């Protein structure tokens, strides 16, 4: 059985400052994401060790698989979704994604406002997403609770709204974190995901 591993960050831990601190990035990646990976591997090993007819025990493990598997999937997407503010990737360039944002929201600013509003309104912990509805081919804003991955849409952008993603920098003012994260959004990655999903 293959083991899941913690992916490397595509930039240094301090590369997203001042918008996301080195301390948060280090804790978020090395501690939180690593915990999801460790627990996911443990849950899969426990599932593999169960006897074929032990359905009750298999069902008990589903919650651990969903939570930790989702945490691993979501964070693996999230790290690639970010880029240093001074890099070209942190600018939305002319192209298919910009055209789709203008078509479906009117402007980048309007899209950011809608994503931030829906994500800030999420009760408790979870994720805010810009996803592509693969049936209608429209960009839509979606939220998911806890570590549930986005399964209804193709992921274009994901924002972690768990307190561990922002509390050291922004305390309980998550709207300030949501405003700041767009300075370090990797629009080149988002564009590549959009093109791949079409």
N, C-alpha and C. Protein backbone atom coordinates (compact mmCIF):
# COMPACT_ATOMS: atom_id res chain seq x y z
N UNK A 1 0.85 -1.19 0.00
CA UNK A 1 0.00 0.00 0.00
C UNK A 1 0.89 1.25 0.00
N UNK A 2 0.62 2.17 -0.91
CA UNK A 2 1.41 3.40 -1.01
C UNK A 2 1.14 4.30 0.18
N UNK A 3 2.17 4.95 0.65
CA UNK A 3 2.04 5.90 1.76
C UNK A 3 1.91 7.30 1.20
N UNK A 4 1.03 8.09 1.83
CA UNK A 4 0.90 9.49 1.48
C UNK A 4 2.04 10.25 2.14
N UNK A 5 2.54 11.28 1.47
CA UNK A 5 3.64 12.07 2.02
C UNK A 5 3.30 13.55 1.96
N UNK A 6 3.96 14.30 2.81
CA UNK A 6 3.79 15.75 2.84
C UNK A 6 4.49 16.36 1.62
N UNK A 7 3.77 17.08 0.77
CA UNK A 7 4.44 17.69 -0.39
C UNK A 7 5.29 18.88 0.04
N UNK A 8 6.35 19.11 -0.67
CA UNK A 8 7.17 20.30 -0.42
C UNK A 8 6.40 21.54 -0.83
N UNK A 9 6.67 22.65 -0.14
CA UNK A 9 6.12 23.92 -0.59
C UNK A 9 6.87 24.38 -1.84
N UNK A 10 6.20 25.03 -2.77
CA UNK A 10 6.88 25.52 -3.97
C UNK A 10 7.57 26.87 -3.76
N UNK A 11 7.77 27.28 -2.52
CA UNK A 11 8.41 28.56 -2.17
C UNK A 11 8.88 28.43 -0.72
N UNK A 12 9.67 29.39 -0.27
CA UNK A 12 10.17 29.36 1.11
C UNK A 12 9.06 29.71 2.09
N UNK A 13 9.23 29.31 3.34
CA UNK A 13 8.21 29.57 4.36
C UNK A 13 7.95 31.06 4.57
N UNK A 14 8.95 31.89 4.30
CA UNK A 14 8.78 33.34 4.50
C UNK A 14 8.40 34.08 3.21
N UNK A 15 8.13 33.36 2.13
CA UNK A 15 7.94 33.98 0.82
C UNK A 15 6.63 34.74 0.69
N UNK A 16 5.66 34.48 1.56
CA UNK A 16 4.35 35.13 1.43
C UNK A 16 4.18 36.31 2.39
N UNK A 17 5.23 36.65 3.10
CA UNK A 17 5.16 37.80 4.00
C UNK A 17 5.05 39.09 3.19
N UNK A 18 4.40 40.12 3.71
CA UNK A 18 3.79 40.24 5.04
C UNK A 18 2.36 39.70 5.12
N UNK A 19 1.85 39.13 4.05
CA UNK A 19 0.44 38.74 4.03
C UNK A 19 0.17 37.47 4.82
N UNK A 20 1.10 36.52 4.75
CA UNK A 20 1.04 35.32 5.58
C UNK A 20 2.44 35.12 6.15
N UNK A 21 2.54 35.07 7.46
CA UNK A 21 3.85 35.04 8.12
C UNK A 21 4.56 33.71 7.97
N UNK A 22 5.87 33.75 8.13
CA UNK A 22 6.69 32.55 8.13
C UNK A 22 6.23 31.59 9.22
N UNK A 23 5.88 32.14 10.38
CA UNK A 23 5.46 31.29 11.51
C UNK A 23 4.20 30.50 11.16
N UNK A 24 3.21 31.18 10.57
CA UNK A 24 1.98 30.48 10.19
C UNK A 24 2.27 29.44 9.12
N UNK A 25 3.03 29.81 8.10
CA UNK A 25 3.30 28.85 7.03
C UNK A 25 4.03 27.62 7.55
N UNK A 26 4.97 27.82 8.45
CA UNK A 26 5.72 26.69 9.01
C UNK A 26 4.81 25.77 9.81
N UNK A 27 4.03 26.35 10.72
CA UNK A 27 3.11 25.54 11.53
C UNK A 27 2.04 24.87 10.67
N UNK A 28 1.50 25.62 9.74
CA UNK A 28 0.42 25.12 8.90
C UNK A 28 0.89 23.93 8.06
N UNK A 29 2.07 24.06 7.47
CA UNK A 29 2.59 23.01 6.61
C UNK A 29 3.18 21.84 7.41
N UNK A 30 4.17 22.14 8.26
CA UNK A 30 4.90 21.08 8.96
C UNK A 30 4.08 20.39 10.04
N UNK A 31 3.16 21.11 10.67
CA UNK A 31 2.39 20.52 11.76
C UNK A 31 1.00 20.08 11.31
N UNK A 32 0.20 21.03 10.82
CA UNK A 32 -1.19 20.69 10.50
C UNK A 32 -1.28 19.74 9.30
N UNK A 33 -0.65 20.09 8.20
CA UNK A 33 -0.76 19.22 7.04
C UNK A 33 -0.09 17.87 7.33
N UNK A 34 1.05 17.89 8.00
CA UNK A 34 1.72 16.63 8.32
C UNK A 34 0.82 15.73 9.17
N UNK A 35 0.05 16.33 10.08
CA UNK A 35 -0.87 15.54 10.92
C UNK A 35 -1.93 14.85 10.06
N UNK A 36 -2.47 15.57 9.07
CA UNK A 36 -3.46 14.95 8.19
C UNK A 36 -2.84 13.76 7.45
N UNK A 37 -1.61 13.92 6.97
CA UNK A 37 -0.94 12.85 6.24
C UNK A 37 -0.70 11.65 7.16
N UNK A 38 -0.20 11.90 8.35
CA UNK A 38 0.07 10.83 9.31
C UNK A 38 -1.21 10.07 9.66
N UNK A 39 -2.27 10.82 9.95
CA UNK A 39 -3.54 10.19 10.34
C UNK A 39 -4.21 9.47 9.17
N UNK A 40 -4.04 9.99 7.96
CA UNK A 40 -4.59 9.33 6.77
C UNK A 40 -3.89 7.99 6.55
N UNK A 41 -2.56 7.97 6.67
CA UNK A 41 -1.82 6.72 6.51
C UNK A 41 -2.23 5.70 7.58
N UNK A 42 -2.43 6.18 8.81
CA UNK A 42 -2.83 5.28 9.90
C UNK A 42 -4.23 4.71 9.64
N UNK A 43 -5.15 5.56 9.20
CA UNK A 43 -6.52 5.09 8.92
C UNK A 43 -6.53 4.06 7.79
N UNK A 44 -5.74 4.31 6.74
CA UNK A 44 -5.68 3.36 5.63
C UNK A 44 -5.06 2.03 6.07
N UNK A 45 -4.03 2.10 6.92
CA UNK A 45 -3.41 0.87 7.43
C UNK A 45 -4.41 0.09 8.29
N UNK A 46 -5.16 0.80 9.13
CA UNK A 46 -6.17 0.14 9.96
C UNK A 46 -7.25 -0.51 9.10
N UNK A 47 -7.66 0.20 8.05
CA UNK A 47 -8.69 -0.35 7.15
C UNK A 47 -8.18 -1.61 6.46
N UNK A 48 -6.93 -1.59 6.01
CA UNK A 48 -6.35 -2.74 5.32
C UNK A 48 -6.22 -3.96 6.23
N UNK A 49 -6.06 -3.70 7.54
CA UNK A 49 -5.85 -4.80 8.49
C UNK A 49 -7.15 -5.46 8.94
N UNK A 50 -8.30 -4.85 8.65
CA UNK A 50 -9.57 -5.40 9.11
C UNK A 50 -9.96 -6.64 8.32
N UNK A 51 -10.64 -7.54 9.01
CA UNK A 51 -11.16 -8.74 8.36
C UNK A 51 -12.24 -8.33 7.35
N UNK A 52 -12.44 -9.13 6.33
CA UNK A 52 -13.34 -8.81 5.24
C UNK A 52 -14.76 -8.49 5.65
N UNK A 53 -15.30 -9.12 6.70
CA UNK A 53 -16.70 -8.93 7.08
C UNK A 53 -16.91 -7.93 8.21
N UNK A 54 -15.86 -7.26 8.63
CA UNK A 54 -15.96 -6.36 9.79
C UNK A 54 -16.47 -4.99 9.36
N UNK A 55 -17.71 -4.94 8.90
CA UNK A 55 -18.27 -3.72 8.30
C UNK A 55 -18.40 -2.59 9.30
N UNK A 56 -18.73 -2.89 10.57
CA UNK A 56 -18.86 -1.83 11.57
C UNK A 56 -17.54 -1.10 11.77
N UNK A 57 -16.47 -1.83 11.87
CA UNK A 57 -15.15 -1.21 12.06
C UNK A 57 -14.75 -0.41 10.82
N UNK A 58 -15.09 -0.93 9.65
CA UNK A 58 -14.79 -0.20 8.41
C UNK A 58 -15.55 1.12 8.36
N UNK A 59 -16.79 1.09 8.79
CA UNK A 59 -17.59 2.33 8.81
C UNK A 59 -17.03 3.34 9.79
N UNK A 60 -16.52 2.87 10.93
CA UNK A 60 -15.93 3.78 11.92
C UNK A 60 -14.73 4.52 11.33
N UNK A 61 -14.01 3.85 10.45
CA UNK A 61 -12.81 4.47 9.87
C UNK A 61 -13.13 5.48 8.76
N UNK A 62 -14.37 5.46 8.25
CA UNK A 62 -14.71 6.36 7.16
C UNK A 62 -14.56 7.83 7.54
N UNK A 63 -14.94 8.17 8.78
CA UNK A 63 -14.81 9.58 9.22
C UNK A 63 -13.35 10.02 9.22
N UNK A 64 -12.47 9.15 9.70
CA UNK A 64 -11.03 9.50 9.73
C UNK A 64 -10.47 9.61 8.32
N UNK A 65 -10.91 8.72 7.44
CA UNK A 65 -10.45 8.79 6.05
C UNK A 65 -10.94 10.06 5.37
N UNK A 66 -12.20 10.42 5.59
CA UNK A 66 -12.76 11.61 4.96
C UNK A 66 -12.08 12.88 5.47
N UNK A 67 -11.95 12.98 6.79
CA UNK A 67 -11.38 14.19 7.37
C UNK A 67 -9.90 14.35 7.00
N UNK A 68 -9.11 13.31 7.23
CA UNK A 68 -7.68 13.43 6.98
C UNK A 68 -7.35 13.37 5.49
N UNK A 69 -8.11 12.58 4.73
CA UNK A 69 -7.92 12.57 3.28
C UNK A 69 -8.28 13.91 2.68
N UNK A 70 -9.39 14.48 3.14
CA UNK A 70 -9.77 15.81 2.68
C UNK A 70 -8.74 16.86 3.06
N UNK A 71 -8.23 16.77 4.29
CA UNK A 71 -7.20 17.71 4.73
C UNK A 71 -5.96 17.64 3.86
N UNK A 72 -5.57 16.42 3.48
CA UNK A 72 -4.39 16.24 2.63
C UNK A 72 -4.66 16.78 1.21
N UNK A 73 -5.80 16.43 0.64
CA UNK A 73 -6.15 16.92 -0.71
C UNK A 73 -6.23 18.45 -0.73
N UNK A 74 -6.99 19.01 0.22
CA UNK A 74 -7.21 20.45 0.23
C UNK A 74 -5.91 21.23 0.41
N UNK A 75 -5.08 20.80 1.35
CA UNK A 75 -3.84 21.54 1.59
C UNK A 75 -2.86 21.38 0.44
N UNK A 76 -2.83 20.21 -0.18
CA UNK A 76 -1.95 20.03 -1.34
C UNK A 76 -2.32 21.00 -2.46
N UNK A 77 -3.63 21.25 -2.64
CA UNK A 77 -4.09 22.26 -3.60
C UNK A 77 -3.76 23.67 -3.13
N UNK A 78 -3.96 23.91 -1.83
CA UNK A 78 -3.81 25.25 -1.25
C UNK A 78 -2.38 25.79 -1.42
N UNK A 79 -1.37 24.95 -1.14
CA UNK A 79 0.01 25.45 -1.25
C UNK A 79 0.31 25.91 -2.67
N UNK A 80 -0.18 25.18 -3.66
CA UNK A 80 0.06 25.55 -5.05
C UNK A 80 -0.76 26.77 -5.45
N UNK A 81 -1.80 27.07 -4.68
CA UNK A 81 -2.68 28.20 -4.95
C UNK A 81 -2.06 29.54 -4.55
N UNK A 82 -0.90 29.48 -3.88
CA UNK A 82 -0.28 30.69 -3.35
C UNK A 82 1.05 30.94 -4.05
N UNK A 83 1.44 32.22 -4.11
CA UNK A 83 2.70 32.62 -4.73
C UNK A 83 3.15 33.93 -4.09
N UNK A 84 4.44 34.18 -4.03
CA UNK A 84 4.91 35.45 -3.48
C UNK A 84 4.26 36.64 -4.19
N UNK A 85 3.94 37.68 -3.40
CA UNK A 85 3.19 38.83 -3.93
C UNK A 85 3.92 39.53 -5.07
N UNK A 86 5.25 39.51 -5.06
CA UNK A 86 6.01 40.21 -6.09
C UNK A 86 6.20 39.38 -7.35
N UNK A 87 5.74 38.13 -7.36
CA UNK A 87 5.94 37.27 -8.52
C UNK A 87 4.88 37.54 -9.59
N UNK A 88 5.22 37.27 -10.86
CA UNK A 88 4.22 37.44 -11.93
C UNK A 88 2.99 36.55 -11.73
N UNK A 89 3.16 35.42 -11.06
CA UNK A 89 2.03 34.50 -10.84
C UNK A 89 0.93 35.13 -10.00
N UNK A 90 1.27 36.14 -9.21
CA UNK A 90 0.29 36.77 -8.32
C UNK A 90 -0.52 37.87 -9.01
N UNK A 91 -0.49 37.89 -10.33
CA UNK A 91 -1.29 38.85 -11.11
C UNK A 91 -2.19 38.09 -12.06
N UNK A 92 -3.42 38.49 -12.17
CA UNK A 92 -4.33 37.87 -13.13
C UNK A 92 -4.05 38.47 -14.50
N UNK A 93 -3.47 37.67 -15.37
CA UNK A 93 -3.11 38.14 -16.71
C UNK A 93 -4.28 37.93 -17.67
N UNK A 94 -4.21 38.62 -18.79
CA UNK A 94 -5.22 38.41 -19.84
C UNK A 94 -5.18 36.96 -20.28
N UNK A 95 -6.35 36.39 -20.47
CA UNK A 95 -6.42 34.99 -20.88
C UNK A 95 -7.78 34.40 -20.57
N UNK A 96 -7.94 33.10 -20.75
CA UNK A 96 -9.24 32.45 -20.57
C UNK A 96 -9.83 32.60 -19.16
N UNK A 97 -8.99 32.52 -18.11
CA UNK A 97 -9.53 32.65 -16.76
C UNK A 97 -10.06 34.06 -16.52
N UNK A 98 -9.29 35.06 -16.91
CA UNK A 98 -9.76 36.44 -16.74
C UNK A 98 -11.05 36.67 -17.52
N UNK A 99 -11.12 36.14 -18.72
CA UNK A 99 -12.34 36.28 -19.53
C UNK A 99 -13.53 35.62 -18.82
N UNK A 100 -13.31 34.44 -18.24
CA UNK A 100 -14.39 33.73 -17.55
C UNK A 100 -14.81 34.46 -16.28
N UNK A 101 -13.88 35.03 -15.55
CA UNK A 101 -14.20 35.81 -14.35
C UNK A 101 -15.03 37.03 -14.73
N UNK A 102 -14.62 37.72 -15.78
CA UNK A 102 -15.39 38.89 -16.23
C UNK A 102 -16.78 38.49 -16.71
N UNK A 103 -16.88 37.36 -17.39
CA UNK A 103 -18.17 36.88 -17.90
C UNK A 103 -19.11 36.51 -16.74
N UNK A 104 -18.58 35.78 -15.74
CA UNK A 104 -19.43 35.21 -14.69
C UNK A 104 -19.62 36.10 -13.48
N UNK A 105 -18.72 37.08 -13.27
CA UNK A 105 -18.82 37.95 -12.09
C UNK A 105 -18.83 39.43 -12.44
N UNK A 106 -18.39 39.78 -13.63
CA UNK A 106 -18.32 41.19 -14.02
C UNK A 106 -16.92 41.77 -13.92
N UNK A 107 -16.16 41.32 -12.91
CA UNK A 107 -14.78 41.80 -12.74
C UNK A 107 -14.09 40.94 -11.69
N UNK A 108 -12.77 41.05 -11.64
CA UNK A 108 -12.01 40.34 -10.60
C UNK A 108 -12.43 40.82 -9.22
N UNK A 109 -12.60 42.12 -9.07
CA UNK A 109 -12.98 42.69 -7.77
C UNK A 109 -14.33 42.14 -7.30
N UNK A 110 -15.28 42.02 -8.23
CA UNK A 110 -16.60 41.48 -7.88
C UNK A 110 -16.50 40.01 -7.50
N UNK A 111 -15.64 39.26 -8.20
CA UNK A 111 -15.45 37.85 -7.86
C UNK A 111 -14.84 37.70 -6.48
N UNK A 112 -13.81 38.50 -6.18
CA UNK A 112 -13.17 38.46 -4.87
C UNK A 112 -14.19 38.79 -3.78
N UNK A 113 -15.00 39.79 -4.01
CA UNK A 113 -16.03 40.17 -3.02
C UNK A 113 -16.99 39.01 -2.76
N UNK A 114 -17.39 38.32 -3.81
CA UNK A 114 -18.33 37.19 -3.64
C UNK A 114 -17.67 36.01 -2.93
N UNK A 115 -16.43 35.68 -3.32
CA UNK A 115 -15.71 34.60 -2.66
C UNK A 115 -15.50 34.93 -1.19
N UNK A 116 -15.03 36.13 -0.91
CA UNK A 116 -14.77 36.52 0.48
C UNK A 116 -16.05 36.54 1.31
N UNK A 117 -17.14 37.03 0.74
CA UNK A 117 -18.40 37.09 1.47
C UNK A 117 -18.90 35.70 1.85
N UNK A 118 -18.88 34.78 0.89
CA UNK A 118 -19.35 33.42 1.17
C UNK A 118 -18.42 32.70 2.14
N UNK A 119 -17.12 32.91 1.99
CA UNK A 119 -16.16 32.24 2.85
C UNK A 119 -16.21 32.78 4.27
N UNK A 120 -16.33 34.09 4.41
CA UNK A 120 -16.43 34.70 5.75
C UNK A 120 -17.70 34.26 6.47
N UNK A 121 -18.75 33.99 5.72
CA UNK A 121 -20.03 33.60 6.32
C UNK A 121 -20.07 32.14 6.74
N UNK A 122 -19.07 31.37 6.35
CA UNK A 122 -19.03 29.95 6.71
C UNK A 122 -18.93 29.81 8.23
N UNK A 123 -19.85 29.08 8.81
CA UNK A 123 -19.86 28.88 10.26
C UNK A 123 -18.81 27.83 10.63
N UNK A 124 -17.97 28.15 11.60
CA UNK A 124 -16.94 27.20 12.01
C UNK A 124 -15.80 27.17 11.01
N UNK A 125 -15.21 26.01 10.84
CA UNK A 125 -14.05 25.84 9.97
C UNK A 125 -14.45 25.24 8.64
N UNK A 126 -13.66 25.53 7.62
CA UNK A 126 -13.96 24.98 6.31
C UNK A 126 -13.13 25.65 5.23
N UNK A 127 -13.69 25.63 4.01
CA UNK A 127 -12.98 26.11 2.84
C UNK A 127 -13.90 26.92 1.95
N UNK A 128 -13.35 27.96 1.35
CA UNK A 128 -14.03 28.72 0.31
C UNK A 128 -13.39 28.39 -1.02
N UNK A 129 -14.23 28.22 -2.04
CA UNK A 129 -13.72 27.77 -3.34
C UNK A 129 -14.26 28.63 -4.49
N UNK A 130 -13.42 28.81 -5.47
CA UNK A 130 -13.87 29.21 -6.79
C UNK A 130 -13.76 27.95 -7.62
N UNK A 131 -14.92 27.45 -8.07
CA UNK A 131 -14.92 26.19 -8.81
C UNK A 131 -15.56 26.36 -10.17
N UNK A 132 -15.22 25.46 -11.07
CA UNK A 132 -15.85 25.43 -12.39
C UNK A 132 -16.93 24.36 -12.38
N UNK A 133 -18.15 24.80 -12.63
CA UNK A 133 -19.25 23.85 -12.82
C UNK A 133 -19.02 23.22 -14.19
N UNK A 134 -18.66 21.95 -14.20
CA UNK A 134 -18.26 21.32 -15.47
C UNK A 134 -19.44 21.07 -16.41
N UNK A 135 -20.66 21.18 -15.90
CA UNK A 135 -21.83 21.02 -16.78
C UNK A 135 -22.16 22.34 -17.47
N UNK A 136 -22.25 23.43 -16.67
CA UNK A 136 -22.62 24.72 -17.25
C UNK A 136 -21.42 25.49 -17.79
N UNK A 137 -20.20 25.05 -17.40
CA UNK A 137 -18.94 25.72 -17.79
C UNK A 137 -18.85 27.13 -17.19
N UNK A 138 -19.54 27.35 -16.07
CA UNK A 138 -19.49 28.64 -15.39
C UNK A 138 -18.69 28.53 -14.10
N UNK A 139 -18.02 29.62 -13.76
CA UNK A 139 -17.33 29.71 -12.47
C UNK A 139 -18.35 29.99 -11.38
N UNK A 140 -18.25 29.30 -10.26
CA UNK A 140 -19.18 29.47 -9.15
C UNK A 140 -18.42 29.47 -7.84
N UNK A 141 -18.98 30.16 -6.84
CA UNK A 141 -18.43 30.19 -5.50
C UNK A 141 -19.11 29.12 -4.67
N UNK A 142 -18.31 28.30 -3.99
CA UNK A 142 -18.81 27.19 -3.20
C UNK A 142 -18.05 27.18 -1.88
N UNK A 143 -18.69 26.73 -0.81
CA UNK A 143 -17.99 26.50 0.45
C UNK A 143 -18.20 25.05 0.87
N UNK A 144 -17.23 24.51 1.62
CA UNK A 144 -17.36 23.18 2.19
C UNK A 144 -16.97 23.25 3.65
N UNK A 145 -17.63 22.45 4.52
CA UNK A 145 -17.30 22.47 5.94
C UNK A 145 -16.08 21.59 6.24
N UNK A 146 -15.49 21.84 7.38
CA UNK A 146 -14.41 20.99 7.91
C UNK A 146 -13.29 20.83 6.87
N UNK A 147 -12.90 19.59 6.58
CA UNK A 147 -11.89 19.35 5.55
C UNK A 147 -12.51 18.67 4.33
N UNK A 148 -13.82 18.84 4.15
CA UNK A 148 -14.46 18.22 2.99
C UNK A 148 -13.88 18.82 1.71
N UNK A 149 -13.41 17.98 0.80
CA UNK A 149 -12.91 18.50 -0.48
C UNK A 149 -14.06 18.92 -1.38
N UNK A 150 -13.74 19.73 -2.36
CA UNK A 150 -14.75 20.16 -3.34
C UNK A 150 -14.90 19.06 -4.38
N UNK A 151 -16.04 18.40 -4.38
CA UNK A 151 -16.29 17.30 -5.30
C UNK A 151 -17.30 17.65 -6.39
N UNK A 152 -18.08 18.70 -6.16
CA UNK A 152 -19.14 19.06 -7.11
C UNK A 152 -18.65 19.90 -8.28
N UNK A 153 -17.47 20.49 -8.15
CA UNK A 153 -16.90 21.38 -9.16
C UNK A 153 -15.42 21.05 -9.34
N UNK A 154 -14.85 21.51 -10.43
CA UNK A 154 -13.40 21.45 -10.61
C UNK A 154 -12.80 22.63 -9.84
N UNK A 155 -11.81 22.35 -9.02
CA UNK A 155 -11.20 23.39 -8.18
C UNK A 155 -10.37 24.33 -9.06
N UNK A 156 -10.64 25.63 -8.92
CA UNK A 156 -9.81 26.66 -9.55
C UNK A 156 -8.98 27.36 -8.48
N UNK A 157 -9.63 27.78 -7.38
CA UNK A 157 -8.97 28.42 -6.24
C UNK A 157 -9.61 27.90 -4.97
N UNK A 158 -8.80 27.60 -3.97
CA UNK A 158 -9.31 27.19 -2.66
C UNK A 158 -8.68 28.03 -1.56
N UNK A 159 -9.49 28.41 -0.58
CA UNK A 159 -9.01 29.22 0.54
C UNK A 159 -9.35 28.51 1.84
N UNK A 160 -8.32 28.22 2.62
CA UNK A 160 -8.46 27.59 3.93
C UNK A 160 -8.97 28.63 4.92
N UNK A 161 -10.11 28.36 5.56
CA UNK A 161 -10.66 29.31 6.52
C UNK A 161 -10.64 28.73 7.94
N UNK A 162 -9.85 27.68 8.13
CA UNK A 162 -9.60 27.20 9.49
C UNK A 162 -8.76 28.25 10.23
N UNK A 163 -8.97 28.39 11.53
CA UNK A 163 -8.22 29.40 12.29
C UNK A 163 -6.72 29.19 12.20
N UNK A 164 -6.27 27.96 12.07
CA UNK A 164 -4.82 27.73 12.02
C UNK A 164 -4.18 28.39 10.79
N UNK A 165 -4.99 28.75 9.79
CA UNK A 165 -4.47 29.38 8.57
C UNK A 165 -4.20 30.87 8.75
N UNK A 166 -4.79 31.48 9.80
CA UNK A 166 -4.68 32.94 9.89
C UNK A 166 -4.58 33.51 11.30
N UNK A 167 -4.85 32.75 12.35
CA UNK A 167 -5.05 33.34 13.67
C UNK A 167 -3.81 34.06 14.20
N UNK A 168 -2.63 33.52 14.00
CA UNK A 168 -1.43 34.18 14.52
C UNK A 168 -1.22 35.57 13.90
N UNK A 169 -1.65 35.74 12.66
CA UNK A 169 -1.48 37.03 11.97
C UNK A 169 -2.70 37.95 12.13
N UNK A 170 -3.89 37.38 12.07
CA UNK A 170 -5.09 38.20 11.97
C UNK A 170 -6.06 38.04 13.14
N UNK A 171 -5.65 37.25 14.15
CA UNK A 171 -6.50 36.98 15.32
C UNK A 171 -7.87 36.48 14.84
N UNK A 172 -8.94 37.04 15.39
CA UNK A 172 -10.27 36.54 15.02
C UNK A 172 -10.91 37.33 13.87
N UNK A 173 -10.12 38.18 13.19
CA UNK A 173 -10.66 39.01 12.11
C UNK A 173 -10.38 38.31 10.78
N UNK A 174 -11.16 37.29 10.48
CA UNK A 174 -10.88 36.50 9.29
C UNK A 174 -11.10 37.28 8.00
N UNK A 175 -11.91 38.35 8.04
CA UNK A 175 -12.10 39.14 6.81
C UNK A 175 -10.79 39.83 6.40
N UNK A 176 -9.96 40.20 7.37
CA UNK A 176 -8.66 40.80 7.03
C UNK A 176 -7.75 39.78 6.36
N UNK A 177 -7.79 38.55 6.84
CA UNK A 177 -7.05 37.45 6.20
C UNK A 177 -7.55 37.23 4.77
N UNK A 178 -8.86 37.23 4.60
CA UNK A 178 -9.43 37.01 3.27
C UNK A 178 -9.05 38.14 2.31
N UNK A 179 -9.01 39.37 2.81
CA UNK A 179 -8.57 40.47 1.96
C UNK A 179 -7.09 40.31 1.58
N UNK A 180 -6.27 39.89 2.55
CA UNK A 180 -4.82 39.80 2.34
C UNK A 180 -4.43 38.66 1.40
N UNK A 181 -5.15 37.55 1.47
CA UNK A 181 -4.69 36.36 0.73
C UNK A 181 -4.68 36.58 -0.78
N UNK A 182 -5.50 37.51 -1.28
CA UNK A 182 -5.53 37.74 -2.73
C UNK A 182 -4.24 38.38 -3.23
N UNK A 183 -3.44 38.97 -2.32
CA UNK A 183 -2.14 39.53 -2.72
C UNK A 183 -1.13 38.42 -3.04
N UNK A 184 -1.39 37.21 -2.54
CA UNK A 184 -0.47 36.09 -2.75
C UNK A 184 -1.16 34.92 -3.45
N UNK A 185 -2.21 35.21 -4.20
CA UNK A 185 -2.91 34.17 -4.94
C UNK A 185 -2.14 33.86 -6.22
N UNK A 186 -1.97 32.59 -6.51
CA UNK A 186 -1.24 32.17 -7.71
C UNK A 186 -2.23 32.03 -8.87
N UNK A 187 -2.40 33.11 -9.61
CA UNK A 187 -3.35 33.11 -10.71
C UNK A 187 -2.86 32.28 -11.90
N UNK A 188 -1.55 32.08 -12.01
CA UNK A 188 -1.05 31.19 -13.07
C UNK A 188 -1.51 29.76 -12.81
N UNK A 189 -1.45 29.32 -11.56
CA UNK A 189 -1.94 27.99 -11.19
C UNK A 189 -3.45 27.90 -11.42
N UNK A 190 -4.17 28.94 -11.04
CA UNK A 190 -5.62 28.95 -11.24
C UNK A 190 -5.97 28.87 -12.72
N UNK A 191 -5.21 29.60 -13.54
CA UNK A 191 -5.43 29.56 -15.00
C UNK A 191 -5.19 28.15 -15.55
N UNK A 192 -4.12 27.51 -15.09
CA UNK A 192 -3.81 26.15 -15.55
C UNK A 192 -4.91 25.18 -15.15
N UNK A 193 -5.44 25.31 -13.93
CA UNK A 193 -6.53 24.45 -13.50
C UNK A 193 -7.80 24.69 -14.33
N UNK A 194 -8.04 25.96 -14.61
CA UNK A 194 -9.23 26.30 -15.42
C UNK A 194 -9.13 25.67 -16.80
N UNK A 195 -7.99 25.82 -17.46
CA UNK A 195 -7.82 25.26 -18.79
C UNK A 195 -7.94 23.74 -18.77
N UNK A 196 -7.37 23.11 -17.75
CA UNK A 196 -7.42 21.65 -17.65
C UNK A 196 -8.84 21.14 -17.42
N UNK A 197 -9.67 21.96 -16.73
CA UNK A 197 -11.02 21.53 -16.39
C UNK A 197 -12.02 21.71 -17.54
N UNK A 198 -11.68 22.54 -18.51
CA UNK A 198 -12.61 22.79 -19.61
C UNK A 198 -12.77 21.57 -20.52
